[in-house]
C-alpha cells in the first residue's frame, strides 16, 4: 500500500479492497487513558517507538471493556504535534484490511496520545522475528 500527499490530499493505491472513510475518531480524556493503563504503569508498557511509550489498556465501551493500544507522546522524541495531527487526521478517516485502526486520540494539556485497536494475534514483526510463524500468501 502506498500513501502519497499530505493529510488533506491523500492518494491511495492498494491491491486490497478500497479503504473506507469513516467519521472522525473518538477523543479520550487524560483521565480515561490514565485509568486504562493504571496511571501509565510500566507493567502495562508493551513497547516503544519514535513517538514514545506504547501501553496496553482496558477502556470502557459502554457496559463492556475492550483492550486497546495507547501510544503516549514523549516530548523528548523527534516527533511532535505536527506528526501527531497528521496521523489523527489521516488514520481517523481510513479503514483498510492491512492497517491497524486508529480508535481515538487524547490532546489534554501537555498530554498527547493515540489509541489503536489491539492486535490479539500479535504484529507482523512478532510473527517474523519472535514467533517464527510460517506465513503464506493467502
N, C-alpha and C. Protein backbone atom coordinates (compact mmCIF):
# COMPACT_ATOMS: atom_id res chain seq x y z
N UNK A 1 0.84 -1.18 0.00
CA UNK A 1 0.00 0.00 0.00
C UNK A 1 0.88 1.22 0.00
N UNK A 2 0.49 2.22 -0.74
CA UNK A 2 1.29 3.42 -0.82
C UNK A 2 0.42 4.64 -0.54
N UNK A 3 0.87 5.50 0.35
CA UNK A 3 0.19 6.75 0.64
C UNK A 3 1.07 7.87 0.15
N UNK A 4 0.50 8.80 -0.62
CA UNK A 4 1.26 9.95 -1.06
C UNK A 4 0.45 11.20 -0.82
N UNK A 5 1.14 12.32 -0.70
CA UNK A 5 0.46 13.59 -0.49
C UNK A 5 0.45 14.00 0.96
N UNK A 6 -0.38 14.96 1.28
CA UNK A 6 -0.50 15.46 2.64
C UNK A 6 -1.74 14.88 3.27
N UNK A 7 -1.98 15.22 4.53
CA UNK A 7 -3.17 14.71 5.23
C UNK A 7 -4.45 15.18 4.54
N UNK A 8 -4.41 16.33 3.87
CA UNK A 8 -5.60 16.84 3.19
C UNK A 8 -5.81 16.20 1.83
N UNK A 9 -4.71 15.80 1.18
CA UNK A 9 -4.76 15.29 -0.18
C UNK A 9 -4.05 13.94 -0.24
N UNK A 10 -4.75 12.87 0.10
CA UNK A 10 -4.14 11.55 0.16
C UNK A 10 -4.60 10.72 -1.02
N UNK A 11 -3.62 10.16 -1.74
CA UNK A 11 -3.91 9.25 -2.84
C UNK A 11 -3.50 7.86 -2.40
N UNK A 12 -4.37 6.89 -2.58
CA UNK A 12 -4.13 5.55 -2.08
C UNK A 12 -4.15 4.56 -3.22
N UNK A 13 -3.10 3.71 -3.27
CA UNK A 13 -3.12 2.60 -4.21
C UNK A 13 -2.90 1.33 -3.41
N UNK A 14 -3.71 0.31 -3.65
CA UNK A 14 -3.63 -0.90 -2.86
C UNK A 14 -4.20 -2.09 -3.62
N UNK A 15 -3.61 -3.27 -3.43
CA UNK A 15 -4.17 -4.46 -4.04
C UNK A 15 -5.36 -4.99 -3.24
N UNK A 16 -5.55 -4.49 -2.04
CA UNK A 16 -6.64 -4.92 -1.16
C UNK A 16 -7.91 -4.17 -1.54
N UNK A 17 -9.01 -4.48 -0.89
CA UNK A 17 -10.25 -3.77 -1.17
C UNK A 17 -10.06 -2.29 -0.87
N UNK A 18 -10.78 -1.43 -1.56
CA UNK A 18 -10.62 0.00 -1.34
C UNK A 18 -10.91 0.38 0.11
N UNK A 19 -10.17 1.36 0.63
CA UNK A 19 -10.39 1.79 2.01
C UNK A 19 -11.74 2.49 2.13
N UNK A 20 -12.27 2.47 3.32
CA UNK A 20 -13.50 3.23 3.57
C UNK A 20 -13.14 4.42 4.44
N UNK A 21 -13.82 5.51 4.21
CA UNK A 21 -13.58 6.71 5.01
C UNK A 21 -14.61 6.77 6.12
N UNK A 22 -14.15 6.90 7.32
CA UNK A 22 -15.01 6.86 8.50
C UNK A 22 -15.18 8.26 9.09
N UNK A 23 -16.03 8.34 10.08
CA UNK A 23 -16.20 9.57 10.82
C UNK A 23 -14.97 9.83 11.67
N UNK A 24 -14.78 11.07 12.13
CA UNK A 24 -13.63 11.35 12.99
C UNK A 24 -13.61 10.42 14.20
N UNK A 25 -12.44 10.16 14.69
CA UNK A 25 -12.29 9.22 15.78
C UNK A 25 -12.67 9.85 17.12
N UNK A 26 -12.71 9.02 18.13
CA UNK A 26 -13.12 9.42 19.48
C UNK A 26 -12.02 10.21 20.17
N UNK A 27 -12.42 11.20 20.93
CA UNK A 27 -11.46 11.95 21.74
C UNK A 27 -11.53 11.42 23.16
N UNK A 28 -10.37 10.98 23.68
CA UNK A 28 -10.27 10.45 25.03
C UNK A 28 -9.72 11.51 25.96
N UNK A 29 -10.10 11.44 27.22
CA UNK A 29 -9.53 12.35 28.22
C UNK A 29 -8.26 11.73 28.78
N UNK A 30 -7.43 12.58 29.37
CA UNK A 30 -6.21 12.10 30.03
C UNK A 30 -6.60 11.12 31.14
N UNK A 31 -7.67 11.42 31.87
CA UNK A 31 -8.12 10.56 32.97
C UNK A 31 -8.50 9.17 32.46
N UNK A 32 -9.18 9.09 31.32
CA UNK A 32 -9.57 7.79 30.76
C UNK A 32 -8.35 6.94 30.43
N UNK A 33 -7.35 7.56 29.79
CA UNK A 33 -6.16 6.81 29.39
C UNK A 33 -5.29 6.47 30.59
N UNK A 34 -5.25 7.36 31.56
CA UNK A 34 -4.50 7.08 32.79
C UNK A 34 -5.13 5.91 33.53
N UNK A 35 -6.44 5.90 33.61
CA UNK A 35 -7.16 4.80 34.26
C UNK A 35 -6.97 3.49 33.48
N UNK A 36 -7.00 3.56 32.16
CA UNK A 36 -6.87 2.37 31.31
C UNK A 36 -5.52 1.69 31.48
N UNK A 37 -4.49 2.47 31.79
CA UNK A 37 -3.12 1.95 31.88
C UNK A 37 -2.61 1.93 33.32
N UNK A 38 -3.50 2.08 34.27
CA UNK A 38 -3.12 2.13 35.68
C UNK A 38 -2.06 3.21 35.90
N UNK A 39 -2.40 4.44 35.46
CA UNK A 39 -1.53 5.61 35.57
C UNK A 39 -0.22 5.42 34.80
N UNK A 40 -0.34 4.85 33.61
CA UNK A 40 0.81 4.59 32.72
C UNK A 40 1.89 3.78 33.44
N UNK A 41 1.43 2.76 34.13
CA UNK A 41 2.32 1.85 34.87
C UNK A 41 3.20 1.09 33.87
N UNK A 42 4.47 0.96 34.20
CA UNK A 42 5.43 0.28 33.32
C UNK A 42 5.04 -1.18 33.05
N UNK A 43 4.27 -1.79 33.96
CA UNK A 43 3.83 -3.18 33.75
C UNK A 43 2.86 -3.29 32.58
N UNK A 44 2.22 -2.18 32.20
CA UNK A 44 1.29 -2.16 31.08
C UNK A 44 1.97 -1.72 29.79
N UNK A 45 3.27 -1.39 29.87
CA UNK A 45 4.03 -0.98 28.69
C UNK A 45 4.36 -2.21 27.84
N UNK A 46 4.04 -2.14 26.55
CA UNK A 46 4.30 -3.27 25.66
C UNK A 46 5.33 -2.93 24.58
N UNK A 47 5.85 -1.71 24.60
CA UNK A 47 6.87 -1.35 23.62
C UNK A 47 7.13 0.14 23.61
N UNK A 48 7.98 0.54 22.67
CA UNK A 48 8.27 1.96 22.50
C UNK A 48 8.72 2.19 21.07
N UNK A 49 8.57 3.42 20.62
CA UNK A 49 8.97 3.77 19.26
C UNK A 49 9.37 5.22 19.20
N UNK A 50 9.42 5.76 17.99
CA UNK A 50 9.80 7.15 17.79
C UNK A 50 8.84 8.13 18.44
N UNK A 51 7.60 7.72 18.58
CA UNK A 51 6.57 8.57 19.17
C UNK A 51 6.68 8.59 20.69
N UNK A 52 7.01 7.46 21.29
CA UNK A 52 7.09 7.34 22.74
C UNK A 52 6.74 5.94 23.20
N UNK A 53 6.30 5.82 24.45
CA UNK A 53 5.96 4.53 25.03
C UNK A 53 4.61 4.05 24.50
N UNK A 54 4.47 2.73 24.40
CA UNK A 54 3.24 2.09 23.92
C UNK A 54 2.71 1.21 25.04
N UNK A 55 1.44 1.42 25.40
CA UNK A 55 0.81 0.70 26.51
C UNK A 55 -0.38 -0.10 26.02
N UNK A 56 -0.66 -1.16 26.74
CA UNK A 56 -1.89 -1.93 26.57
C UNK A 56 -2.84 -1.39 27.62
N UNK A 57 -4.09 -1.13 27.24
CA UNK A 57 -5.03 -0.57 28.20
C UNK A 57 -6.44 -1.09 28.03
N UNK A 58 -7.18 -1.12 29.14
CA UNK A 58 -8.59 -1.54 29.14
C UNK A 58 -9.45 -0.29 29.24
N UNK A 59 -10.31 -0.08 28.23
CA UNK A 59 -11.15 1.12 28.18
C UNK A 59 -12.60 0.69 28.12
N UNK A 60 -13.43 1.34 28.92
CA UNK A 60 -14.87 1.05 28.92
C UNK A 60 -15.49 1.50 27.62
N UNK A 61 -16.30 0.63 27.08
CA UNK A 61 -17.06 0.89 25.86
C UNK A 61 -18.52 0.63 26.19
N UNK A 62 -19.11 1.52 26.96
CA UNK A 62 -20.45 1.27 27.45
C UNK A 62 -20.39 0.23 28.56
N UNK A 63 -21.18 -0.84 28.48
CA UNK A 63 -21.19 -1.85 29.54
C UNK A 63 -20.00 -2.81 29.49
N UNK A 64 -19.23 -2.80 28.39
CA UNK A 64 -18.10 -3.72 28.26
C UNK A 64 -16.77 -2.96 28.28
N UNK A 65 -15.70 -3.72 28.51
CA UNK A 65 -14.36 -3.15 28.44
C UNK A 65 -13.63 -3.81 27.29
N UNK A 66 -12.86 -3.03 26.56
CA UNK A 66 -12.09 -3.55 25.44
C UNK A 66 -10.62 -3.22 25.64
N UNK A 67 -9.77 -4.04 25.02
CA UNK A 67 -8.32 -3.82 25.09
C UNK A 67 -7.90 -2.98 23.90
N UNK A 68 -7.11 -1.95 24.19
CA UNK A 68 -6.59 -1.07 23.15
C UNK A 68 -5.10 -0.86 23.36
N UNK A 69 -4.45 -0.29 22.36
CA UNK A 69 -3.05 0.09 22.45
C UNK A 69 -3.00 1.62 22.51
N UNK A 70 -2.24 2.14 23.44
CA UNK A 70 -2.15 3.58 23.65
C UNK A 70 -0.70 4.02 23.44
N UNK A 71 -0.47 4.84 22.41
CA UNK A 71 0.86 5.39 22.14
C UNK A 71 0.90 6.78 22.77
N UNK A 72 1.74 6.93 23.77
CA UNK A 72 1.84 8.19 24.52
C UNK A 72 3.04 8.99 24.03
N UNK A 73 2.82 10.23 23.61
CA UNK A 73 3.89 11.07 23.09
C UNK A 73 4.89 11.40 24.19
N UNK A 74 6.16 11.19 23.86
CA UNK A 74 7.26 11.59 24.73
C UNK A 74 7.78 12.91 24.17
N UNK A 75 7.75 13.96 24.96
CA UNK A 75 8.15 15.27 24.47
C UNK A 75 9.63 15.33 24.11
N UNK A 76 10.41 14.34 24.47
CA UNK A 76 11.82 14.28 24.10
C UNK A 76 12.01 13.59 22.75
N UNK A 77 10.93 13.08 22.16
CA UNK A 77 11.05 12.36 20.89
C UNK A 77 11.21 13.36 19.74
N UNK A 78 11.58 12.82 18.58
CA UNK A 78 11.75 13.64 17.39
C UNK A 78 10.41 14.00 16.77
N UNK A 79 9.36 13.29 17.16
CA UNK A 79 8.04 13.57 16.63
C UNK A 79 7.30 14.48 17.59
N UNK A 80 6.41 15.29 17.06
CA UNK A 80 5.68 16.22 17.91
C UNK A 80 4.28 16.44 17.41
N UNK A 81 3.74 17.63 17.71
CA UNK A 81 2.36 17.96 17.39
C UNK A 81 2.03 17.85 15.90
N UNK A 82 2.89 18.33 14.99
CA UNK A 82 2.52 18.22 13.57
C UNK A 82 2.33 16.77 13.12
N UNK A 83 3.24 15.89 13.50
CA UNK A 83 3.13 14.47 13.13
C UNK A 83 1.91 13.83 13.80
N UNK A 84 1.66 14.21 15.05
CA UNK A 84 0.51 13.71 15.79
C UNK A 84 -0.78 14.03 15.04
N UNK A 85 -0.96 15.30 14.63
CA UNK A 85 -2.21 15.70 13.98
C UNK A 85 -2.35 15.12 12.58
N UNK A 86 -1.25 14.94 11.86
CA UNK A 86 -1.33 14.28 10.55
C UNK A 86 -1.82 12.85 10.73
N UNK A 87 -1.27 12.16 11.74
CA UNK A 87 -1.69 10.77 11.99
C UNK A 87 -3.17 10.71 12.38
N UNK A 88 -3.61 11.62 13.23
CA UNK A 88 -5.03 11.64 13.64
C UNK A 88 -5.91 11.92 12.44
N UNK A 89 -5.59 12.95 11.67
CA UNK A 89 -6.45 13.34 10.54
C UNK A 89 -6.50 12.26 9.46
N UNK A 90 -5.37 11.66 9.18
CA UNK A 90 -5.32 10.65 8.13
C UNK A 90 -5.95 9.33 8.58
N UNK A 91 -5.47 8.78 9.70
CA UNK A 91 -5.91 7.45 10.11
C UNK A 91 -7.30 7.40 10.73
N UNK A 92 -7.82 8.54 11.19
CA UNK A 92 -9.19 8.53 11.72
C UNK A 92 -10.20 8.35 10.60
N UNK A 93 -9.79 8.64 9.39
CA UNK A 93 -10.70 8.53 8.24
C UNK A 93 -10.47 7.28 7.43
N UNK A 94 -9.40 6.55 7.69
CA UNK A 94 -9.02 5.43 6.83
C UNK A 94 -9.22 4.10 7.54
N UNK A 95 -9.91 3.18 6.87
CA UNK A 95 -10.05 1.82 7.37
C UNK A 95 -9.63 0.90 6.23
N UNK A 96 -8.64 0.06 6.50
CA UNK A 96 -8.11 -0.81 5.47
C UNK A 96 -7.72 -2.14 6.10
N UNK A 97 -7.84 -3.22 5.37
CA UNK A 97 -7.58 -4.55 5.92
C UNK A 97 -6.13 -4.73 6.35
N UNK A 98 -5.20 -3.95 5.83
CA UNK A 98 -3.80 -4.09 6.18
C UNK A 98 -3.29 -3.04 7.16
N UNK A 99 -4.18 -2.23 7.70
CA UNK A 99 -3.80 -1.20 8.65
C UNK A 99 -4.50 -1.39 9.99
N UNK A 100 -3.78 -1.15 11.06
CA UNK A 100 -4.39 -1.16 12.39
C UNK A 100 -5.26 0.08 12.47
N UNK A 101 -6.47 -0.06 13.01
CA UNK A 101 -7.41 1.06 13.07
C UNK A 101 -7.09 2.00 14.23
N UNK A 102 -7.11 3.29 13.92
CA UNK A 102 -7.00 4.31 14.95
C UNK A 102 -8.38 4.48 15.57
N UNK A 103 -8.47 4.29 16.87
CA UNK A 103 -9.74 4.39 17.57
C UNK A 103 -9.99 5.82 18.04
N UNK A 104 -8.91 6.47 18.52
CA UNK A 104 -9.08 7.83 19.02
C UNK A 104 -7.76 8.45 19.41
N UNK A 105 -7.87 9.60 20.06
CA UNK A 105 -6.69 10.35 20.46
C UNK A 105 -6.98 11.10 21.76
N UNK A 106 -5.92 11.59 22.38
CA UNK A 106 -6.02 12.42 23.57
C UNK A 106 -5.11 13.62 23.36
N UNK A 107 -5.66 14.79 23.57
CA UNK A 107 -4.88 16.02 23.48
C UNK A 107 -5.33 16.91 24.63
N UNK A 108 -4.81 16.59 25.82
CA UNK A 108 -5.22 17.33 27.01
C UNK A 108 -4.02 17.95 27.70
N UNK A 109 -3.92 19.26 27.63
CA UNK A 109 -2.77 19.92 28.26
C UNK A 109 -1.51 19.54 27.54
N UNK A 110 -0.54 19.01 28.27
CA UNK A 110 0.72 18.57 27.67
C UNK A 110 0.66 17.12 27.22
N UNK A 111 -0.45 16.46 27.48
CA UNK A 111 -0.60 15.03 27.17
C UNK A 111 -1.15 14.83 25.77
N UNK A 112 -0.41 14.04 24.96
CA UNK A 112 -0.88 13.67 23.63
C UNK A 112 -0.71 12.16 23.50
N UNK A 113 -1.76 11.48 23.03
CA UNK A 113 -1.70 10.03 22.88
C UNK A 113 -2.61 9.60 21.75
N UNK A 114 -2.28 8.47 21.15
CA UNK A 114 -3.09 7.86 20.10
C UNK A 114 -3.58 6.51 20.60
N UNK A 115 -4.82 6.18 20.31
CA UNK A 115 -5.42 4.92 20.76
C UNK A 115 -5.75 4.08 19.53
N UNK A 116 -5.18 2.88 19.49
CA UNK A 116 -5.36 1.96 18.36
C UNK A 116 -6.03 0.68 18.82
N UNK A 117 -6.58 -0.06 17.83
CA UNK A 117 -7.09 -1.39 18.14
C UNK A 117 -5.91 -2.25 18.59
N UNK A 118 -6.19 -3.24 19.42
CA UNK A 118 -5.16 -4.16 19.90
C UNK A 118 -5.13 -5.38 18.99
N UNK A 119 -3.96 -5.76 18.54
CA UNK A 119 -3.81 -6.93 17.67
C UNK A 119 -3.60 -8.16 18.54
N UNK A 120 -4.67 -8.90 18.77
CA UNK A 120 -4.62 -10.07 19.66
C UNK A 120 -3.66 -11.15 19.18
N UNK A 121 -3.47 -11.26 17.87
CA UNK A 121 -2.57 -12.28 17.33
C UNK A 121 -1.14 -11.78 17.18
N UNK A 122 -0.86 -10.57 17.62
CA UNK A 122 0.48 -10.03 17.50
C UNK A 122 0.67 -9.26 16.21
N UNK A 123 1.79 -8.60 16.11
CA UNK A 123 2.10 -7.80 14.93
C UNK A 123 2.82 -8.65 13.89
N UNK A 124 2.97 -8.10 12.70
CA UNK A 124 3.75 -8.77 11.66
C UNK A 124 5.18 -8.96 12.15
N UNK A 125 5.74 -7.98 12.84
CA UNK A 125 7.08 -8.08 13.40
C UNK A 125 7.18 -9.29 14.35
N UNK A 126 6.17 -9.47 15.21
CA UNK A 126 6.16 -10.62 16.13
C UNK A 126 6.23 -11.93 15.35
N UNK A 127 5.42 -12.05 14.32
CA UNK A 127 5.37 -13.30 13.55
C UNK A 127 6.66 -13.55 12.79
N UNK A 128 7.28 -12.50 12.28
CA UNK A 128 8.50 -12.66 11.50
C UNK A 128 9.74 -12.88 12.37
N UNK A 129 9.80 -12.20 13.54
CA UNK A 129 11.04 -12.19 14.31
C UNK A 129 10.97 -12.85 15.69
N UNK A 130 9.79 -13.01 16.24
CA UNK A 130 9.68 -13.58 17.59
C UNK A 130 9.05 -14.96 17.59
N UNK A 131 7.94 -15.10 16.91
CA UNK A 131 7.19 -16.36 16.94
C UNK A 131 7.67 -17.35 15.90
N UNK A 132 8.35 -16.89 14.88
CA UNK A 132 8.81 -17.78 13.82
C UNK A 132 7.68 -18.39 13.02
N UNK A 133 6.57 -17.68 12.89
CA UNK A 133 5.42 -18.16 12.15
C UNK A 133 5.77 -18.29 10.67
N UNK A 134 5.32 -19.37 10.07
CA UNK A 134 5.47 -19.51 8.62
C UNK A 134 4.24 -18.86 7.99
N UNK A 135 4.49 -17.79 7.25
CA UNK A 135 3.40 -17.05 6.64
C UNK A 135 3.27 -17.44 5.16
N UNK A 136 2.03 -17.63 4.73
CA UNK A 136 1.77 -17.94 3.32
C UNK A 136 1.05 -16.75 2.70
N UNK A 137 1.05 -16.64 1.41
CA UNK A 137 0.39 -15.52 0.75
C UNK A 137 -1.10 -15.45 1.05
N UNK A 138 -1.84 -16.58 1.05
CA UNK A 138 -3.27 -16.47 1.37
C UNK A 138 -3.47 -15.98 2.78
